[in-house]
Amino acid sequence: MPRTCLGFGFRFVLTLVIGALFAPLAIAQQTTTQASKSRQPVTARRPLAPGADTSREHPLVSVLDYARREQAYLQDTQRDFTCRLIKRERINDILQDFQYIDMWGREEIREGNRILQPMSIFLLFQAPKNVAGRRVLYVEGQNEGKMQVRNGGRHFDYVVVNVDPNGETAREESLVPITQSGFNRILAQMIQILERDMRIDASGQNTKVERIAGAKINKRPSSVVRITHPQKQEGLEFHIANVFVDDELHVPVRVDLSLWPARPGQKPPILAEYTYTELKLNVGIPDNVFTSAHVRGR
């Protein structure tokens, strides 16, 4: 059975970080976008819950506020997307090789309780050689909840199997299941995770949020939000996380995460990094992309 990979993120931590960081990046677009490279702290807008230390506002309060606004904006405006994902993840404490994956995605669209368009993802792996040609299809509500995977690579590349996106095989090659792909799905989970993180570090003393303007990814103006947890703490999953958001498209074009160094002064080890190139929104992806025939290369 082929080993499979998600494409759009990481299993637990990336969902946390993209979610936790994606929304505040909208702050950078709504404020001045001049190429000032100075780092400015993101200030909160609401006090902490009663009983907490109210001498300072929690850094994540404003992040949560903007996350909810950004979620509403995307639900109203985004239908689908295409991109090339360049990703590298640390799995079982081993930093994997870079993978290059072309990606087509449809967001879930609802009208009340009726699903007009199910969340759908199609992946075509370009590199490295051991996975080149691999095709992965997931359409929510179809195929008993499983991905259809054409093996690709050097041997038995034509074999197509059904794989549980939350099963052991998938987890061995990706930190996040394909079921959590799509900006709207990530933001929904982010809101829950932000609230949990604020409970873990209720005082905010172990959470630092910075906004960095004037960055560029793929030669496009972007803004960066950096979240740092200086001290390792139970329940917190990363030391430093950076998210770059395209100032025009309102979506993340790079995410990188690092863990706490084993010893003071050492470089923080990379947990995961994801860069989204050639990103296009609302392109009108044809239906035949999300079919079994496309998985088989027809």
C-alpha atoms as a PDB file:
ATOM      1  CA  MET A   1       0.000   0.000   0.000  1.00  0.00           C
ATOM      2  CA  PRO A   2       1.470   3.399  -0.887  1.00  0.00           C
ATOM      3  CA  ARG A   3       2.367   5.857   1.783  1.00  0.00           C
ATOM      4  CA  THR A   4       0.279   8.968   1.359  1.00  0.00           C
ATOM      5  CA  CYS A   5       0.575  12.609   2.163  1.00  0.00           C
ATOM      6  CA  LEU A   6      -1.789  15.467   2.764  1.00  0.00           C
ATOM      7  CA  GLY A   7      -0.705  18.476   0.933  1.00  0.00           C
ATOM      8  CA  PHE A   8      -2.130  21.453   2.642  1.00  0.00           C
ATOM      9  CA  GLY A   9      -0.658  21.542   6.066  1.00  0.00           C
ATOM     10  CA  PHE A  10       0.235  19.536   9.105  1.00  0.00           C
ATOM     11  CA  ARG A  11      -1.861  17.205  11.183  1.00  0.00           C
ATOM     12  CA  PHE A  12      -2.058  19.016  14.524  1.00  0.00           C
ATOM     13  CA  VAL A  13       0.456  21.770  14.874  1.00  0.00           C
ATOM     14  CA  LEU A  14      -0.015  23.395  11.476  1.00  0.00           C
ATOM     15  CA  THR A  15      -3.743  23.560  12.003  1.00  0.00           C
ATOM     16  CA  LEU A  16      -2.957  25.366  15.211  1.00  0.00           C
ATOM     17  CA  VAL A  17      -0.499  27.770  13.685  1.00  0.00           C
ATOM     18  CA  ILE A  18      -2.103  28.615  10.367  1.00  0.00           C
ATOM     19  CA  GLY A  19      -5.270  29.162  12.273  1.00  0.00           C
ATOM     20  CA  ALA A  20      -3.647  31.134  15.018  1.00  0.00           C
ATOM     21  CA  LEU A  21      -1.667  33.255  12.608  1.00  0.00           C
ATOM     22  CA  PHE A  22      -3.732  33.578   9.464  1.00  0.00           C
ATOM     23  CA  ALA A  23      -6.299  35.971  10.837  1.00  0.00           C
ATOM     24  CA  PRO A  24      -3.951  38.491  12.428  1.00  0.00           C
ATOM     25  CA  LEU A  25      -2.204  38.890   9.135  1.00  0.00           C
ATOM     26  CA  ALA A  26      -5.298  40.673   7.963  1.00  0.00           C
ATOM     27  CA  ILE A  27      -4.271  43.348  10.452  1.00  0.00           C
ATOM     28  CA  ALA A  28      -1.248  44.118   8.323  1.00  0.00           C
ATOM     29  CA  GLN A  29      -3.402  44.667   5.273  1.00  0.00           C
ATOM     30  CA  GLN A  30      -5.928  46.823   7.067  1.00  0.00           C
ATOM     31  CA  THR A  31      -3.217  48.985   8.560  1.00  0.00           C
ATOM     32  CA  THR A  32      -0.407  50.751   6.722  1.00  0.00           C
ATOM     33  CA  THR A  33       1.290  48.578   4.092  1.00  0.00           C
ATOM     34  CA  GLN A  34       4.332  50.741   3.557  1.00  0.00           C
ATOM     35  CA  ALA A  35       7.562  48.786   3.490  1.00  0.00           C
ATOM     36  CA  SER A  36       8.475  49.454   7.080  1.00  0.00           C
ATOM     37  CA  LYS A  37      10.417  46.472   8.370  1.00  0.00           C
ATOM     38  CA  SER A  38      10.176  47.375  12.012  1.00  0.00           C
ATOM     39  CA  ARG A  39       8.469  44.849  14.274  1.00  0.00           C
ATOM     40  CA  GLN A  40       5.401  46.047  16.097  1.00  0.00           C
ATOM     41  CA  PRO A  41       3.577  44.169  18.854  1.00  0.00           C
ATOM     42  CA  VAL A  42      -0.046  43.263  18.109  1.00  0.00           C
ATOM     43  CA  THR A  43      -2.145  44.764  20.862  1.00  0.00           C
ATOM     44  CA  ALA A  44      -5.299  43.204  22.304  1.00  0.00           C
ATOM     45  CA  ARG A  45      -8.736  44.805  22.216  1.00  0.00           C
ATOM     46  CA  ARG A  46     -10.511  43.040  25.051  1.00  0.00           C
ATOM     47  CA  PRO A  47      -9.584  42.399  28.722  1.00  0.00           C
ATOM     48  CA  LEU A  48      -8.848  38.939  30.013  1.00  0.00           C
ATOM     49  CA  ALA A  49     -11.519  36.851  31.659  1.00  0.00           C
ATOM     50  CA  PRO A  50     -12.344  37.688  35.294  1.00  0.00           C
ATOM     51  CA  GLY A  51      -9.828  36.265  37.680  1.00  0.00           C
ATOM     52  CA  ALA A  52      -6.912  36.465  35.256  1.00  0.00           C
ATOM     53  CA  ASP A  53      -4.081  38.949  35.449  1.00  0.00           C
ATOM     54  CA  THR A  54      -5.689  42.115  34.041  1.00  0.00           C
ATOM     55  CA  SER A  55      -2.551  44.224  34.326  1.00  0.00           C
ATOM     56  CA  ARG A  56      -1.927  43.501  30.639  1.00  0.00           C
ATOM     57  CA  GLU A  57      -4.068  42.366  27.737  1.00  0.00           C
ATOM     58  CA  HIS A  58      -3.465  38.924  26.285  1.00  0.00           C
ATOM     59  CA  PRO A  59      -1.594  39.087  22.948  1.00  0.00           C
ATOM     60  CA  LEU A  60      -3.942  36.560  21.319  1.00  0.00           C
ATOM     61  CA  VAL A  61      -7.184  38.453  21.985  1.00  0.00           C
ATOM     62  CA  SER A  62      -6.861  40.594  18.879  1.00  0.00           C
ATOM     63  CA  VAL A  63      -5.775  37.553  16.880  1.00  0.00           C
ATOM     64  CA  LEU A  64      -9.023  35.809  17.776  1.00  0.00           C
ATOM     65  CA  ASP A  65     -11.029  38.899  16.897  1.00  0.00           C
ATOM     66  CA  TYR A  66      -9.503  39.160  13.438  1.00  0.00           C
ATOM     67  CA  ALA A  67      -9.762  35.399  12.919  1.00  0.00           C
ATOM     68  CA  ARG A  68     -13.531  35.601  13.214  1.00  0.00           C
ATOM     69  CA  ARG A  69     -13.670  38.537  10.806  1.00  0.00           C
ATOM     70  CA  GLU A  70     -11.413  36.802   8.300  1.00  0.00           C
ATOM     71  CA  GLN A  71     -13.462  33.616   8.484  1.00  0.00           C
ATOM     72  CA  ALA A  72     -16.633  35.530   7.646  1.00  0.00           C
ATOM     73  CA  TYR A  73     -14.855  37.280   4.755  1.00  0.00           C
ATOM     74  CA  LEU A  74     -13.578  34.036   3.225  1.00  0.00           C
ATOM     75  CA  GLN A  75     -16.909  32.292   3.596  1.00  0.00           C
ATOM     76  CA  ASP A  76     -18.473  35.084   1.535  1.00  0.00           C
ATOM     77  CA  THR A  77     -15.772  35.390  -1.128  1.00  0.00           C
ATOM     78  CA  GLN A  78     -13.757  32.206  -1.691  1.00  0.00           C
ATOM     79  CA  ARG A  79     -14.977  29.201  -3.682  1.00  0.00           C
ATOM     80  CA  ASP A  80     -11.849  27.412  -4.912  1.00  0.00           C
ATOM     81  CA  PHE A  81      -8.081  27.745  -5.375  1.00  0.00           C
ATOM     82  CA  THR A  82      -5.075  26.287  -7.187  1.00  0.00           C
ATOM     83  CA  CYS A  83      -1.417  26.439  -6.166  1.00  0.00           C
ATOM     84  CA  ARG A  84       1.893  24.614  -5.974  1.00  0.00           C
ATOM     85  CA  LEU A  85       2.754  23.611  -2.442  1.00  0.00           C
ATOM     86  CA  ILE A  86       6.391  23.211  -1.396  1.00  0.00           C
ATOM     87  CA  LYS A  87       6.508  21.484   1.948  1.00  0.00           C
ATOM     88  CA  ARG A  88       8.918  19.916   4.412  1.00  0.00           C
ATOM     89  CA  GLU A  89       7.918  18.325   7.724  1.00  0.00           C
ATOM     90  CA  ARG A  90       9.553  16.646  10.683  1.00  0.00           C
ATOM     91  CA  ILE A  91       7.913  13.240  11.121  1.00  0.00           C
ATOM     92  CA  ASN A  92       8.992  10.817  13.832  1.00  0.00           C
ATOM     93  CA  ASP A  93      11.790  13.293  14.634  1.00  0.00           C
ATOM     94  CA  ILE A  94      13.210  13.069  11.087  1.00  0.00           C
ATOM     95  CA  LEU A  95      13.159  16.145   8.843  1.00  0.00           C
ATOM     96  CA  GLN A  96      11.853  14.910   5.498  1.00  0.00           C
ATOM     97  CA  ASP A  97      12.908  16.027   2.015  1.00  0.00           C
ATOM     98  CA  PHE A  98      11.090  18.883   0.301  1.00  0.00           C
ATOM     99  CA  GLN A  99       8.001  17.812  -1.611  1.00  0.00           C
ATOM    100  CA  TYR A 100       6.525  19.715  -4.571  1.00  0.00           C
ATOM    101  CA  ILE A 101       2.782  19.246  -5.013  1.00  0.00           C
ATOM    102  CA  ASP A 102       0.304  20.829  -7.423  1.00  0.00           C
ATOM    103  CA  MET A 103      -2.990  21.342  -5.658  1.00  0.00           C
ATOM    104  CA  TRP A 104      -6.593  22.021  -6.647  1.00  0.00           C
ATOM    105  CA  GLY A 105      -9.123  22.744  -3.907  1.00  0.00           C
ATOM    106  CA  ARG A 106     -12.803  23.568  -3.509  1.00  0.00           C
ATOM    107  CA  GLU A 107     -14.164  25.040  -0.309  1.00  0.00           C
ATOM    108  CA  GLU A 108     -17.360  23.729   1.226  1.00  0.00           C
ATOM    109  CA  ILE A 109     -20.329  25.932   0.363  1.00  0.00           C
ATOM    110  CA  ARG A 110     -23.572  25.627   2.329  1.00  0.00           C
ATOM    111  CA  GLU A 111     -27.053  27.038   2.100  1.00  0.00           C
ATOM    112  CA  GLY A 112     -28.484  26.513   5.537  1.00  0.00           C
ATOM    113  CA  ASN A 113     -28.066  22.809   6.298  1.00  0.00           C
ATOM    114  CA  ARG A 114     -27.754  21.912   2.604  1.00  0.00           C
ATOM    115  CA  ILE A 115     -24.269  21.410   1.116  1.00  0.00           C
ATOM    116  CA  LEU A 116     -24.130  23.031  -2.310  1.00  0.00           C
ATOM    117  CA  GLN A 117     -20.440  22.194  -2.850  1.00  0.00           C
ATOM    118  CA  PRO A 118     -18.495  19.639  -0.757  1.00  0.00           C
ATOM    119  CA  MET A 119     -14.921  20.329   0.277  1.00  0.00           C
ATOM    120  CA  SER A 120     -12.746  18.695  -2.418  1.00  0.00           C
ATOM    121  CA  ILE A 121      -8.974  18.340  -2.816  1.00  0.00           C
ATOM    122  CA  PHE A 122      -6.891  16.950  -5.675  1.00  0.00           C
ATOM    123  CA  LEU A 123      -3.093  16.629  -5.381  1.00  0.00           C
ATOM    124  CA  LEU A 124      -0.503  15.847  -8.056  1.00  0.00           C
ATOM    125  CA  PHE A 125       3.026  15.220  -6.729  1.00  0.00           C
ATOM    126  CA  GLN A 126       5.903  16.530  -8.857  1.00  0.00           C
ATOM    127  CA  ALA A 127       8.954  15.704  -6.716  1.00  0.00           C
ATOM    128  CA  PRO A 128      10.984  14.013  -5.269  1.00  0.00           C
ATOM    129  CA  LYS A 129      11.296  11.034  -7.597  1.00  0.00           C
ATOM    130  CA  ASN A 130       9.985   8.491  -5.104  1.00  0.00           C
ATOM    131  CA  VAL A 131       6.552  10.160  -5.140  1.00  0.00           C
ATOM    132  CA  ALA A 132       6.522  11.921  -8.542  1.00  0.00           C
ATOM    133  CA  GLY A 133       3.263  11.243 -10.343  1.00  0.00           C
ATOM    134  CA  ARG A 134       1.320  10.382  -7.206  1.00  0.00           C
ATOM    135  CA  ARG A 135      -2.315  11.523  -7.368  1.00  0.00           C
ATOM    136  CA  VAL A 136      -4.599  11.980  -4.371  1.00  0.00           C
ATOM    137  CA  LEU A 137      -8.318  12.780  -4.408  1.00  0.00           C
ATOM    138  CA  TYR A 138     -10.566  13.511  -1.455  1.00  0.00           C
ATOM    139  CA  VAL A 139     -14.183  14.630  -1.785  1.00  0.00           C
ATOM    140  CA  GLU A 140     -16.028  14.959   1.486  1.00  0.00           C
ATOM    141  CA  GLY A 141     -19.050  12.686   1.708  1.00  0.00           C
ATOM    142  CA  GLN A 142     -17.830  10.338  -1.030  1.00  0.00           C
ATOM    143  CA  ASN A 143     -15.886   7.048  -1.152  1.00  0.00           C
ATOM    144  CA  GLU A 144     -16.795   6.198   2.464  1.00  0.00           C
ATOM    145  CA  GLY A 145     -14.648   9.092   3.683  1.00  0.00           C
ATOM    146  CA  LYS A 146     -11.436   7.734   2.174  1.00  0.00           C
ATOM    147  CA  MET A 147      -8.866   9.216  -0.186  1.00  0.00           C
ATOM    148  CA  GLN A 148      -8.240   7.674  -3.585  1.00  0.00           C
ATOM    149  CA  VAL A 149      -4.480   7.423  -4.073  1.00  0.00           C
ATOM    150  CA  ARG A 150      -2.527   6.514  -7.185  1.00  0.00           C
ATOM    151  CA  ASN A 151       0.884   5.402  -5.974  1.00  0.00           C
ATOM    152  CA  GLY A 152       3.241   7.241  -8.306  1.00  0.00           C
ATOM    153  CA  GLY A 153       6.979   6.985  -7.767  1.00  0.00           C
ATOM    154  CA  ARG A 154       9.323   4.468  -9.356  1.00  0.00           C
ATOM    155  CA  HIS A 155       7.437   1.209  -8.782  1.00  0.00           C
ATOM    156  CA  PHE A 156       3.797   0.250  -9.298  1.00  0.00           C
ATOM    157  CA  ASP A 157       2.969   3.853 -10.073  1.00  0.00           C
ATOM    158  CA  TYR A 158      -0.383   2.849 -11.604  1.00  0.00           C
ATOM    159  CA  VAL A 159      -1.801   1.170  -8.472  1.00  0.00           C
ATOM    160  CA  VAL A 160      -4.828   2.999  -7.016  1.00  0.00           C
ATOM    161  CA  VAL A 161      -6.021   2.298  -3.454  1.00  0.00           C
ATOM    162  CA  ASN A 162      -8.394   3.802  -0.911  1.00  0.00           C
ATOM    163  CA  VAL A 163      -6.696   5.202   2.184  1.00  0.00           C
ATOM    164  CA  ASP A 164      -8.133   6.436   5.478  1.00  0.00           C
ATOM    165  CA  PRO A 165      -7.019  10.107   5.753  1.00  0.00           C
ATOM    166  CA  ASN A 166      -6.771   9.711   9.534  1.00  0.00           C
ATOM    167  CA  GLY A 167      -5.134   6.305   9.495  1.00  0.00           C
ATOM    168  CA  GLU A 168      -1.585   5.270  10.326  1.00  0.00           C
ATOM    169  CA  THR A 169      -0.453   5.139   6.692  1.00  0.00           C
ATOM    170  CA  ALA A 170      -1.435   8.764   6.105  1.00  0.00           C
ATOM    171  CA  ARG A 171       0.007   9.932   9.430  1.00  0.00           C
ATOM    172  CA  GLU A 172       3.397   8.467   8.544  1.00  0.00           C
ATOM    173  CA  GLU A 173       3.752  10.952   5.713  1.00  0.00           C
ATOM    174  CA  SER A 174       1.841  14.025   6.802  1.00  0.00           C
ATOM    175  CA  LEU A 175       1.249  15.985   9.972  1.00  0.00           C
ATOM    176  CA  VAL A 176      -2.320  16.970   9.078  1.00  0.00           C
ATOM    177  CA  PRO A 177      -5.098  15.009   7.408  1.00  0.00           C
ATOM    178  CA  ILE A 178      -6.420  16.084   4.040  1.00  0.00           C
ATOM    179  CA  THR A 179      -9.819  16.518   5.688  1.00  0.00           C
ATOM    180  CA  GLN A 180      -8.527  19.750   7.250  1.00  0.00           C
ATOM    181  CA  SER A 181      -7.510  21.346   3.961  1.00  0.00           C
ATOM    182  CA  GLY A 182      -8.991  24.611   2.798  1.00  0.00           C
ATOM    183  CA  PHE A 183      -8.834  28.044   4.362  1.00  0.00           C
ATOM    184  CA  ASN A 184     -12.340  27.996   5.819  1.00  0.00           C
ATOM    185  CA  ARG A 185     -11.826  24.654   7.545  1.00  0.00           C
ATOM    186  CA  ILE A 186      -8.515  25.786   9.009  1.00  0.00           C
ATOM    187  CA  LEU A 187      -9.973  29.029  10.332  1.00  0.00           C
ATOM    188  CA  ALA A 188     -12.870  27.255  12.031  1.00  0.00           C
ATOM    189  CA  GLN A 189     -10.460  25.034  13.944  1.00  0.00           C
ATOM    190  CA  MET A 190      -8.180  27.960  14.618  1.00  0.00           C
ATOM    191  CA  ILE A 191     -10.848  29.797  16.552  1.00  0.00           C
ATOM    192  CA  GLN A 192     -11.270  26.830  18.881  1.00  0.00           C
ATOM    193  CA  ILE A 193      -7.506  26.405  19.280  1.00  0.00           C
ATOM    194  CA  LEU A 194      -6.897  30.086  19.983  1.00  0.00           C
ATOM    195  CA  GLU A 195      -9.378  29.947  22.825  1.00  0.00           C
ATOM    196  CA  ARG A 196      -7.630  26.864  24.199  1.00  0.00           C
ATOM    197  CA  ASP A 197      -4.181  28.454  23.924  1.00  0.00           C
ATOM    198  CA  MET A 198      -5.386  31.450  25.856  1.00  0.00           C
ATOM    199  CA  ARG A 199      -6.512  29.122  28.619  1.00  0.00           C
ATOM    200  CA  ILE A 200      -3.136  27.327  28.671  1.00  0.00           C
ATOM    201  CA  ASP A 201      -1.153  30.568  28.906  1.00  0.00           C
ATOM    202  CA  ALA A 202      -3.858  32.587  30.633  1.00  0.00           C
ATOM    203  CA  SER A 203      -1.574  35.419  31.696  1.00  0.00           C
ATOM    204  CA  GLY A 204      -0.050  35.822  28.232  1.00  0.00           C
ATOM    205  CA  GLN A 205       3.411  35.958  29.784  1.00  0.00           C
ATOM    206  CA  ASN A 206       4.609  33.070  27.595  1.00  0.00           C
ATOM    207  CA  THR A 207       3.097  34.385  24.343  1.00  0.00           C
ATOM    208  CA  LYS A 208       4.599  37.100  22.157  1.00  0.00           C
ATOM    209  CA  VAL A 209       2.949  38.310  18.944  1.00  0.00           C
ATOM    210  CA  GLU A 210       4.767  40.504  16.424  1.00  0.00           C
ATOM    211  CA  ARG A 211       3.733  41.971  13.097  1.00  0.00           C
ATOM    212  CA  ILE A 212       6.408  42.460  10.433  1.00  0.00           C
ATOM    213  CA  ALA A 213       5.538  44.573   7.400  1.00  0.00           C
ATOM    214  CA  GLY A 214       7.349  44.797   4.077  1.00  0.00           C
ATOM    215  CA  ALA A 215       8.096  41.113   3.454  1.00  0.00           C
ATOM    216  CA  LYS A 216       7.909  39.471   0.030  1.00  0.00           C
ATOM    217  CA  ILE A 217       7.103  35.900  -0.983  1.00  0.00           C
ATOM    218  CA  ASN A 218       7.196  34.924  -4.642  1.00  0.00           C
ATOM    219  CA  LYS A 219       8.033  38.596  -5.364  1.00  0.00           C
ATOM    220  CA  ARG A 220       4.640  39.628  -3.974  1.00  0.00           C
ATOM    221  CA  PRO A 221       4.165  42.008  -1.015  1.00  0.00           C
ATOM    222  CA  SER A 222       3.301  40.094   2.125  1.00  0.00           C
ATOM    223  CA  SER A 223       2.944  40.721   5.816  1.00  0.00           C
ATOM    224  CA  VAL A 224       4.171  38.452   8.563  1.00  0.00           C
ATOM    225  CA  VAL A 225       2.827  37.552  11.958  1.00  0.00           C
ATOM    226  CA  ARG A 226       5.239  35.847  14.320  1.00  0.00           C
ATOM    227  CA  ILE A 227       4.085  34.053  17.453  1.00  0.00           C
ATOM    228  CA  THR A 228       6.735  33.066  19.956  1.00  0.00           C
ATOM    229  CA  HIS A 229       6.383  30.954  23.083  1.00  0.00           C
ATOM    230  CA  PRO A 230       9.740  31.652  24.788  1.00  0.00           C
ATOM    231  CA  GLN A 231       9.399  28.846  27.322  1.00  0.00           C
ATOM    232  CA  LYS A 232       8.369  25.260  26.663  1.00  0.00           C
ATOM    233  CA  GLN A 233       5.004  24.662  28.297  1.00  0.00           C
ATOM    234  CA  GLU A 234       2.662  21.685  28.369  1.00  0.00           C
ATOM    235  CA  GLY A 235      -0.040  22.099  25.757  1.00  0.00           C
ATOM    236  CA  LEU A 236       1.904  24.552  23.583  1.00  0.00           C
ATOM    237  CA  GLU A 237       3.121  22.895  20.395  1.00  0.00           C
ATOM    238  CA  PHE A 238       5.770  25.231  18.948  1.00  0.00           C
ATOM    239  CA  HIS A 239       8.489  27.681  19.924  1.00  0.00           C
ATOM    240  CA  ILE A 240       8.319  30.097  16.964  1.00  0.00           C
ATOM    241  CA  ALA A 241       5.818  30.289  14.110  1.00  0.00           C
ATOM    242  CA  ASN A 242       5.877  32.676  11.150  1.00  0.00           C
ATOM    243  CA  VAL A 243       3.023  33.117   8.711  1.00  0.00           C
ATOM    244  CA  PHE A 244       3.348  35.222   5.561  1.00  0.00           C
ATOM    245  CA  VAL A 245       0.066  36.442   4.074  1.00  0.00           C
ATOM    246  CA  ASP A 246      -0.255  37.895   0.599  1.00  0.00           C
ATOM    247  CA  ASP A 247      -1.399  41.501   1.034  1.00  0.00           C
ATOM    248  CA  GLU A 248      -3.742  41.290  -1.955  1.00  0.00           C
ATOM    249  CA  LEU A 249      -5.137  37.759  -1.748  1.00  0.00           C
ATOM    250  CA  HIS A 250      -5.650  37.598   2.043  1.00  0.00           C
ATOM    251  CA  VAL A 251      -4.308  34.042   2.230  1.00  0.00           C
ATOM    252  CA  PRO A 252      -1.131  32.536   3.714  1.00  0.00           C
ATOM    253  CA  VAL A 253       1.655  31.983   1.180  1.00  0.00           C
ATOM    254  CA  ARG A 254       4.259  30.652   3.612  1.00  0.00           C
ATOM    255  CA  VAL A 255       4.181  29.070   7.062  1.00  0.00           C
ATOM    256  CA  ASP A 256       7.212  27.928   9.017  1.00  0.00           C
ATOM    257  CA  LEU A 257       7.373  26.436  12.497  1.00  0.00           C
ATOM    258  CA  SER A 258      10.209  25.594  14.833  1.00  0.00           C
ATOM    259  CA  LEU A 259      10.605  23.774  18.130  1.00  0.00           C
ATOM    260  CA  TRP A 260      12.497  24.778  21.249  1.00  0.00           C
ATOM    261  CA  PRO A 261      16.261  24.141  21.006  1.00  0.00           C
ATOM    262  CA  ALA A 262      17.682  21.354  23.131  1.00  0.00           C
ATOM    263  CA  ARG A 263      20.225  23.751  24.645  1.00  0.00           C
ATOM    264  CA  PRO A 264      20.332  27.537  25.011  1.00  0.00           C
ATOM    265  CA  GLY A 265      22.029  29.227  22.076  1.00  0.00           C
ATOM    266  CA  GLN A 266      21.264  26.449  19.596  1.00  0.00           C
ATOM    267  CA  LYS A 267      19.245  27.117  16.454  1.00  0.00           C
ATOM    268  CA  PRO A 268      15.607  26.086  16.908  1.00  0.00           C
ATOM    269  CA  PRO A 269      14.986  22.885  14.917  1.00  0.00           C
ATOM    270  CA  ILE A 270      12.493  23.117  12.061  1.00  0.00           C
ATOM    271  CA  LEU A 271       9.177  21.404  12.688  1.00  0.00           C
ATOM    272  CA  ALA A 272       7.549  22.193   9.333  1.00  0.00           C
ATOM    273  CA  GLU A 273       7.604  24.701   6.505  1.00  0.00           C
ATOM    274  CA  TYR A 274       5.095  25.271   3.725  1.00  0.00           C
ATOM    275  CA  THR A 275       5.274  27.705   0.814  1.00  0.00           C
ATOM    276  CA  TYR A 276       2.366  28.227  -1.570  1.00  0.00           C
ATOM    277  CA  THR A 277       3.392  29.437  -5.018  1.00  0.00           C
ATOM    278  CA  GLU A 278       1.377  30.256  -8.142  1.00  0.00           C
ATOM    279  CA  LEU A 279      -1.673  30.746  -5.919  1.00  0.00           C
ATOM    280  CA  LYS A 280      -4.937  31.618  -7.690  1.00  0.00           C
ATOM    281  CA  LEU A 281      -8.362  32.037  -6.131  1.00  0.00           C
ATOM    282  CA  ASN A 282     -11.842  31.502  -7.602  1.00  0.00           C
ATOM    283  CA  VAL A 283     -10.597  30.094 -10.891  1.00  0.00           C
ATOM    284  CA  GLY A 284     -13.646  27.924 -11.576  1.00  0.00           C
ATOM    285  CA  ILE A 285     -12.084  24.445 -11.394  1.00  0.00           C
ATOM    286  CA  PRO A 286     -13.911  22.011 -13.725  1.00  0.00           C
ATOM    287  CA  ASP A 287     -15.775  19.084 -12.192  1.00  0.00           C
ATOM    288  CA  ASN A 288     -13.653  16.429 -13.926  1.00  0.00           C
ATOM    289  CA  VAL A 289     -10.650  17.351 -11.753  1.00  0.00           C
ATOM    290  CA  PHE A 290     -12.392  15.775  -8.760  1.00  0.00           C
ATOM    291  CA  THR A 291     -13.165  12.375 -10.292  1.00  0.00           C
ATOM    292  CA  SER A 292     -11.781   8.842 -10.027  1.00  0.00           C
ATOM    293  CA  ALA A 293     -10.841   8.953 -13.717  1.00  0.00           C
ATOM    294  CA  HIS A 294      -8.522  11.887 -13.002  1.00  0.00           C
ATOM    295  CA  VAL A 295      -6.823   9.899 -10.240  1.00  0.00           C
ATOM    296  CA  ARG A 296      -6.111   7.153 -12.737  1.00  0.00           C
ATOM    297  CA  GLY A 297      -4.638   9.659 -15.171  1.00  0.00           C
ATOM    298  CA  ARG A 298      -7.462   9.683 -17.703  1.00  0.00           C
END
